[in-house]
Protein backbone atom coordinates (compact mmCIF):
# COMPACT_ATOMS: atom_id res chain seq x y z
CA MET A 1 27.37 28.02 26.44
CA ILE A 2 24.70 25.99 24.63
CA PHE A 3 26.35 23.05 22.88
CA LEU A 4 24.57 21.87 19.72
CA ASP A 5 27.32 19.70 18.25
CA ASN A 6 26.62 16.55 20.23
CA ALA A 7 27.05 14.32 17.16
CA GLY A 8 30.71 15.37 17.33
CA THR A 9 31.07 14.56 21.02
CA THR A 10 29.19 14.76 24.29
CA SER A 11 30.14 15.92 27.76
CA MET A 12 31.12 13.04 30.01
CA PHE A 13 28.85 12.28 32.96
CA LYS A 14 30.44 13.28 36.26
CA GLU A 15 29.77 9.76 37.52
CA CYS A 16 32.02 8.48 34.72
CA VAL A 17 34.85 10.66 35.98
CA GLU A 18 34.53 9.07 39.43
CA THR A 19 34.55 5.58 37.93
CA TYR A 20 37.52 6.42 35.71
CA SER A 21 39.48 7.72 38.69
CA PHE A 22 38.79 4.59 40.76
CA TYR A 23 40.02 2.21 38.04
CA ALA A 24 42.96 4.43 37.08
CA CYS A 25 44.26 5.15 40.57
CA ASP A 26 42.91 2.54 42.99
CA ASN A 27 41.87 -0.61 41.14
CA PHE A 28 44.49 -0.09 38.42
CA TYR A 29 45.57 -3.70 37.85
CA ASN A 30 46.36 -5.18 34.45
CA PRO A 31 43.51 -7.55 33.48
CA SER A 32 45.97 -9.87 31.70
CA ALA A 33 48.20 -10.44 34.74
CA VAL A 34 47.78 -13.50 36.98
CA SER A 35 47.20 -11.94 40.41
CA ARG A 36 43.81 -12.12 42.10
CA LYS A 37 43.49 -8.35 41.79
CA SER A 38 44.02 -8.64 38.03
CA ALA A 39 41.55 -11.51 37.79
CA PHE A 40 38.96 -9.30 39.47
CA VAL A 41 39.54 -6.54 36.89
CA HIS A 42 39.34 -9.10 34.07
CA ALA A 43 35.99 -10.25 35.44
CA LYS A 44 34.76 -6.64 35.55
CA LEU A 45 35.56 -6.25 31.83
CA ASP A 46 33.50 -9.34 31.08
CA GLU A 47 30.68 -7.80 33.10
CA VAL A 48 30.81 -4.72 30.86
CA ARG A 49 30.69 -6.97 27.78
CA ARG A 50 27.50 -8.52 29.10
CA ASP A 51 26.01 -5.08 29.77
CA VAL A 52 26.82 -3.94 26.23
CA LEU A 53 25.27 -7.09 24.76
CA LYS A 54 22.16 -6.50 26.84
CA LYS A 55 21.90 -2.89 25.64
CA LEU A 56 22.34 -4.13 22.06
CA GLY A 57 19.59 -6.68 22.50
CA ALA A 58 22.01 -9.43 21.50
CA VAL A 59 21.34 -13.05 22.43
CA LYS A 60 24.69 -14.28 21.11
CA GLY A 61 28.06 -12.88 20.09
CA SER A 62 30.60 -10.84 22.00
CA VAL A 63 32.20 -7.43 22.24
CA ILE A 64 35.78 -6.49 21.43
CA PHE A 65 36.89 -3.35 23.25
CA THR A 66 38.78 -0.86 21.07
CA GLY A 67 40.13 2.66 21.17
CA GLY A 68 36.96 4.04 19.53
CA ALA A 69 34.81 3.96 16.43
CA THR A 70 37.60 4.48 13.91
CA GLU A 71 39.48 1.47 15.21
CA SER A 72 36.27 -0.59 15.43
CA ASN A 73 35.37 0.23 11.83
CA ASN A 74 38.87 -0.55 10.59
CA LEU A 75 38.92 -3.84 12.48
CA ALA A 76 35.53 -4.85 11.08
CA ILE A 77 36.42 -4.03 7.46
CA TYR A 78 40.07 -5.06 7.24
CA GLY A 79 39.32 -8.04 9.49
CA ALA A 80 36.71 -9.22 6.98
CA VAL A 81 38.91 -8.85 3.89
CA LYS A 82 39.88 -12.15 2.27
CA ASN A 83 42.15 -13.10 -0.57
CA GLY A 84 40.34 -14.12 -3.70
CA ASP A 85 37.71 -12.85 -6.10
CA PHE A 86 35.59 -10.97 -3.58
CA GLU A 87 33.69 -7.67 -3.73
CA TYR A 88 32.99 -5.08 -1.04
CA VAL A 89 29.96 -2.78 -0.82
CA PHE A 90 29.70 0.54 1.00
CA SER A 91 27.22 3.39 1.04
CA SER A 92 28.41 6.76 -0.23
CA GLY A 93 27.18 8.31 3.01
CA GLU A 94 29.60 6.62 5.37
CA HIS A 95 31.73 8.31 8.02
CA PRO A 96 35.37 8.91 6.94
CA SER A 97 36.52 6.01 9.13
CA VAL A 98 34.58 3.70 6.83
CA TYR A 99 34.55 5.61 3.54
CA ASN A 100 38.31 6.20 3.50
CA VAL A 101 39.00 2.55 4.33
CA ALA A 102 36.80 1.61 1.37
CA LYS A 103 38.79 3.97 -0.88
CA ALA A 104 42.01 2.40 0.41
CA LEU A 105 40.72 -1.07 -0.47
CA GLU A 106 39.93 0.21 -3.94
CA LEU A 107 43.50 1.50 -4.31
CA GLU A 108 44.77 -1.93 -3.26
CA GLY A 109 42.94 -3.41 -6.24
CA LYS A 110 39.89 -4.77 -4.44
CA LYS A 111 36.53 -4.59 -6.23
CA VAL A 112 34.61 -1.93 -4.29
CA HIS A 113 31.07 -0.66 -4.93
CA PHE A 114 29.74 2.63 -3.55
CA VAL A 115 25.95 2.86 -3.34
CA ASN A 116 24.39 6.32 -3.58
CA LEU A 117 21.85 7.84 -1.21
CA ASP A 118 18.26 8.65 -2.07
CA LYS A 119 16.63 12.07 -1.59
CA ASP A 120 15.75 11.11 2.00
CA GLY A 121 19.42 10.58 2.85
CA ARG A 122 19.15 6.80 3.09
CA VAL A 123 21.00 4.13 1.12
CA ASN A 124 19.34 3.60 -2.25
CA LEU A 125 18.14 0.02 -1.93
CA SER A 126 17.50 -0.34 -5.66
CA GLU A 127 21.15 0.49 -6.37
CA LEU A 128 22.27 -1.80 -3.58
CA GLU A 129 20.33 -4.70 -5.05
CA LYS A 130 22.15 -4.26 -8.37
CA VAL A 131 25.66 -4.57 -6.93
CA VAL A 132 25.28 -7.31 -4.31
CA ASN A 133 26.05 -10.75 -5.72
CA ASN A 134 27.55 -14.10 -4.82
CA LYS A 135 31.05 -12.55 -4.83
CA THR A 136 30.12 -9.99 -2.16
CA ARG A 137 32.22 -10.47 0.97
CA LEU A 138 31.12 -7.45 3.03
CA ILE A 139 28.39 -4.80 3.08
CA SER A 140 29.11 -1.86 5.40
CA CYS A 141 26.36 0.66 6.09
CA MET A 142 25.80 3.06 8.98
CA LEU A 143 22.64 2.89 11.07
CA VAL A 144 22.24 6.65 11.60
CA SER A 145 23.92 9.27 9.41
CA ASN A 146 26.31 11.43 11.41
CA GLU A 147 25.63 14.25 8.95
CA THR A 148 21.83 14.23 8.57
CA GLY A 149 20.36 11.84 11.13
CA ALA A 150 18.78 9.72 8.37
CA ILE A 151 18.21 6.13 9.52
CA ASN A 152 19.06 3.30 7.14
CA ASP A 153 16.86 0.22 6.91
CA ILE A 154 19.51 -2.25 8.03
CA LYS A 155 16.97 -5.03 8.39
CA LYS A 156 16.01 -4.65 4.73
CA ILE A 157 19.68 -4.53 3.70
CA VAL A 158 20.28 -7.80 5.56
CA GLU A 159 17.26 -9.35 3.85
CA LEU A 160 18.67 -8.37 0.44
CA LYS A 161 22.04 -9.78 1.44
CA ASN A 162 20.47 -13.06 2.50
CA GLN A 163 18.74 -13.35 -0.88
CA LEU A 164 21.66 -12.32 -3.10
CA ALA A 165 24.81 -13.09 -1.10
CA PRO A 166 23.99 -15.32 1.88
CA LYS A 167 27.66 -15.81 2.79
CA ALA A 168 28.43 -12.08 2.91
CA LEU A 169 28.89 -10.18 6.18
CA VAL A 170 27.04 -7.02 7.20
CA HIS A 171 28.85 -4.41 9.27
CA VAL A 172 26.97 -1.50 10.82
CA ASP A 173 28.53 1.72 12.05
CA ALA A 174 26.07 2.43 14.87
CA VAL A 175 28.01 5.26 16.48
CA GLN A 176 25.14 7.75 16.18
CA GLY A 177 22.52 5.14 17.01
CA PHE A 178 23.79 3.11 19.96
CA MET A 179 22.32 4.41 23.24
CA LYS A 180 20.34 7.02 21.30
CA ILE A 181 17.67 5.29 19.23
CA PRO A 182 15.87 2.08 20.21
CA PHE A 183 17.04 -0.96 18.23
CA SER A 184 18.08 -4.57 18.66
CA VAL A 185 21.08 -6.04 16.87
CA GLU A 186 19.16 -9.31 16.64
CA ASP A 187 16.31 -7.56 14.86
CA LEU A 188 18.75 -5.77 12.52
CA GLY A 189 20.52 -9.01 11.71
CA ALA A 190 23.99 -7.42 11.61
CA ASP A 191 27.13 -9.53 11.90
CA MET A 192 29.26 -6.67 13.28
CA LEU A 193 28.40 -3.32 14.85
CA SER A 194 30.66 -0.44 15.92
CA PHE A 195 30.10 2.04 18.76
CA SER A 196 31.98 4.78 20.59
CA ALA A 197 31.63 5.84 24.24
CA HIS A 198 32.13 9.58 23.81
CA LYS A 199 29.00 9.82 21.68
CA PHE A 200 26.84 8.86 24.68
CA HIS A 201 28.48 10.77 27.55
CA GLY A 202 31.29 8.30 28.18
CA PRO A 203 35.03 8.96 27.82
CA LYS A 204 36.93 9.56 24.61
CA GLY A 205 39.36 6.91 23.42
CA VAL A 206 37.17 3.88 24.09
CA GLY A 207 34.60 2.00 22.06
CA GLY A 208 33.86 -1.43 20.81
CA LEU A 209 32.95 -3.81 18.03
CA TYR A 210 30.11 -6.28 18.44
CA VAL A 211 30.74 -9.52 16.53
CA ARG A 212 28.17 -12.27 16.11
CA SER A 213 31.02 -14.80 15.97
CA MET A 214 34.74 -14.44 16.60
CA GLN A 215 35.41 -16.59 13.54
CA LEU A 216 33.99 -13.95 11.18
CA ILE A 217 37.09 -11.73 11.17
CA LYS A 218 40.84 -11.89 11.64
CA ASN A 219 43.12 -9.65 13.67
CA ILE A 220 44.75 -6.76 11.82
CA PHE A 221 47.85 -6.46 14.01
CA ASP A 222 49.74 -8.82 16.29
CA GLY A 223 50.57 -8.54 19.95
CA GLY A 224 49.80 -10.12 23.29
CA GLY A 225 46.52 -11.64 22.20
CA GLN A 226 44.11 -9.59 24.30
CA GLU A 227 40.45 -9.27 23.32
CA PHE A 228 40.18 -12.83 21.99
CA GLY A 229 43.31 -12.30 19.91
CA LEU A 230 41.55 -9.75 17.72
CA ARG A 231 42.72 -6.53 19.40
CA SER A 232 46.06 -6.95 21.17
CA GLY A 233 47.21 -4.39 23.72
CA THR A 234 46.36 -3.78 27.35
CA GLU A 235 42.71 -2.77 27.64
CA ASN A 236 41.79 0.76 28.66
CA VAL A 237 40.20 -0.45 31.87
CA PRO A 238 39.32 2.99 33.34
CA GLY A 239 37.73 4.05 30.05
CA ILE A 240 35.79 0.80 29.64
CA MET A 241 34.48 0.94 33.21
CA ALA A 242 33.52 4.61 32.78
CA MET A 243 31.69 3.64 29.60
CA GLN A 244 29.73 1.08 31.62
CA THR A 245 28.68 3.83 34.02
CA ALA A 246 27.25 5.81 31.09
CA LEU A 247 25.54 2.71 29.68
CA LEU A 248 23.76 1.98 32.93
CA LYS A 249 22.65 5.57 33.48
CA ILE A 250 20.97 6.07 30.10
CA ASP A 251 17.33 5.26 29.43
CA VAL A 252 17.25 5.13 25.63
CA LYS A 253 13.49 5.23 25.18
CA GLU A 254 12.87 8.07 27.63
CA ASN A 255 15.76 10.08 26.19
CA TYR A 256 14.42 9.54 22.67
CA LYS A 257 11.06 10.98 23.66
CA HIS A 258 12.66 13.98 25.33
CA VAL A 259 14.97 14.79 22.43
CA SER A 260 12.09 14.45 19.96
CA LYS A 261 10.24 17.17 21.90
CA LEU A 262 13.35 19.37 22.02
CA LYS A 263 13.83 19.07 18.27
CA GLU A 264 10.18 19.89 17.60
CA LYS A 265 10.40 23.01 19.78
CA PHE A 266 13.69 24.07 18.18
CA ASN A 267 12.36 23.67 14.63
CA GLU A 268 9.25 25.62 15.53
CA ILE A 269 11.44 28.59 16.50
CA VAL A 270 14.07 28.57 13.74
CA GLY A 271 11.53 27.58 11.10
CA GLN A 272 9.73 30.88 11.60
CA GLU A 273 12.74 32.81 10.34
CA SER A 274 12.51 33.27 6.58
CA GLY A 275 15.73 32.13 4.94
CA ILE A 276 16.56 29.35 7.41
CA LYS A 277 15.79 25.99 5.88
CA VAL A 278 15.49 23.02 8.21
CA LEU A 279 16.60 19.73 6.62
CA ASP A 280 14.83 17.19 8.80
CA PHE A 281 15.31 13.76 7.27
CA LEU A 282 12.76 12.24 9.66
CA GLY A 283 15.37 9.96 11.15
CA SER A 284 17.10 10.34 14.49
CA PRO A 285 15.79 13.28 16.54
CA TYR A 286 19.35 13.91 17.68
CA ILE A 287 20.66 15.32 14.35
CA GLU A 288 19.51 17.69 11.62
CA VAL A 289 20.87 20.25 9.15
CA LEU A 290 20.15 23.98 8.85
CA ILE A 291 20.75 25.91 5.64
CA PHE A 292 21.24 29.67 6.06
CA SER A 293 20.42 31.15 2.66
CA GLY A 294 22.86 33.91 1.74
CA VAL A 295 25.29 33.25 4.61
CA LYS A 296 28.13 30.74 4.74
CA GLY A 297 27.76 28.03 7.33
CA GLU A 298 31.26 28.64 8.68
CA THR A 299 30.45 32.35 9.10
CA MET A 300 27.32 31.44 11.05
CA LEU A 301 29.24 28.96 13.17
CA HIS A 302 31.75 31.59 14.34
CA ALA A 303 29.09 34.27 14.83
CA LEU A 304 26.97 31.89 16.89
CA GLU A 305 29.89 30.87 19.07
CA GLU A 306 30.41 34.53 19.97
CA LYS A 307 26.80 34.56 21.18
CA GLY A 308 27.18 31.38 23.21
CA VAL A 309 25.87 28.70 20.84
CA ILE A 310 28.09 26.01 19.30
CA VAL A 311 26.95 24.17 16.16
CA GLY A 312 28.89 21.95 13.75
CA LEU A 313 29.89 21.75 10.11
CA GLY A 314 29.26 18.04 9.77
CA SER A 315 31.67 15.29 10.79
CA ALA A 316 34.42 16.58 13.08
CA CYS A 317 36.69 14.06 11.33
CA SER A 318 36.33 15.93 8.04
CA ALA A 319 35.14 19.41 9.07
CA LYS A 320 38.28 21.11 7.71
CA LYS A 321 37.66 19.80 4.20
CA ALA A 322 35.66 21.85 1.71
CA GLY A 323 32.13 20.77 0.85
CA ASN A 324 30.00 17.99 2.23
CA ARG A 325 30.12 14.62 0.48
CA ILE A 326 26.85 13.42 1.99
CA LEU A 327 24.68 16.46 1.19
CA GLU A 328 26.17 16.53 -2.31
CA ASN A 329 25.29 12.87 -2.82
CA ILE A 330 21.71 13.52 -1.73
CA GLY A 331 21.42 16.26 -4.33
CA TYR A 332 22.03 19.62 -2.64
CA ASN A 333 23.94 22.23 -4.63
CA LYS A 334 27.21 23.92 -3.73
CA ASP A 335 25.62 27.11 -2.39
CA GLU A 336 23.25 25.16 -0.14
CA ILE A 337 26.09 23.01 1.16
CA LEU A 338 28.33 26.00 1.89
CA SER A 339 25.44 27.62 3.76
CA SER A 340 24.75 24.59 5.96
CA CYS A 341 25.44 23.77 9.58
CA ARG A 342 24.75 20.60 11.51
CA VAL A 343 22.74 20.85 14.72
CA SER A 344 22.79 17.92 17.14
CA PHE A 345 21.13 17.64 20.52
CA ASN A 346 21.65 15.61 23.68
CA ALA A 347 19.04 14.19 26.01
CA TYR A 348 20.11 16.24 29.02
CA MET A 349 19.34 19.64 27.53
CA SER A 350 16.36 21.60 28.83
CA GLU A 351 13.53 23.05 26.79
CA SER A 352 14.54 26.54 27.93
CA GLU A 353 18.07 26.01 26.55
CA ILE A 354 16.63 24.92 23.22
CA GLU A 355 14.29 27.92 23.07
CA GLU A 356 17.16 30.27 23.84
CA ALA A 357 19.41 28.62 21.23
CA GLY A 358 16.69 28.86 18.56
CA LYS A 359 16.13 32.55 19.27
CA ILE A 360 19.86 33.30 19.19
CA ILE A 361 20.27 31.47 15.87
CA ALA A 362 17.38 33.43 14.33
CA MET A 363 18.73 36.72 15.68
CA VAL A 364 22.31 36.09 14.52
CA TYR A 365 21.11 35.07 11.06
CA LYS A 366 19.07 38.26 10.64
CA ASP A 367 22.04 40.31 11.82
CA MET A 368 24.37 38.57 9.36
CA LEU A 369 22.00 39.25 6.46
CA LYS A 370 21.94 42.94 7.34
CA ARG A 371 25.74 43.09 7.46
CA LEU A 372 26.07 41.34 4.12
CA SER A 373 23.38 43.38 2.32
């Protein structure tokens, strides 16, 4: 099976399984207890925080461990909400765990602005500039689109914020960027940044939120006061330690080069087949969109799976819903959207796998056209 839906999830490194087992079965102590064994585990969690900060290129701030990206995004947004005459700004291309929170804030009576995407799939900076003002409390914008791979200019967004709303916070959903594309949170200038372990070969059910300062947000539920009082509940120690194993194994820059070559080879093969349109938004090499003219994307997905290739239909968190909000916002029509599939790579695939996948996709598409003619 050739798995081309790595933006949805990735296979966990075997080394992570070994780490998980050790901290689940042998060194299983509660980091909040007072024994020396527990103190050791607590110290190990702080070690992982330091490793995450190093990978982020952060010189200050800390990391709150969470149950994954959805929780991190909710904590960042709801934690930043304040009573008063404030406004909140989101891009229209956000993942459901951000976009749906924004819609919920709107229903609660908060003033919420949604900024459209440009034809390249990035946040329209001209529109953004029109809605950010001295009432803006939060701007939330993803680093890499989970649907298209387009990369937003977070540094420019922060510069606009500093000019127009210097007291506002900037939150970045970096789930598809962290440990995949080279960046530094210091260079971006973000106040908060979300990530999820299962997107970079760690375990599911664990992630984190980088915060420049703990005073920027409040907790959104009460409990025992773990994670600096911002995320109560016993930490998922085995998951966090397994995530560290993945962090330390990955070479972001080398992986980026490898995946860029894989994508180039893949596009060379599928691009030769008339009727297959490659939507490469010149962003992350890990993600792109294919449009199969005359064939529904869902039909292609099932036909490809029968031949040993798995692709996606966009975000796994909204794949069962009709249409594609992001492609529609960019300007693609209904037929193009219904004929689209998302392809996403990982850095541990071989060139031969990619060549085989490309050939199978081209073959299946031609066969589907014959059946439908």
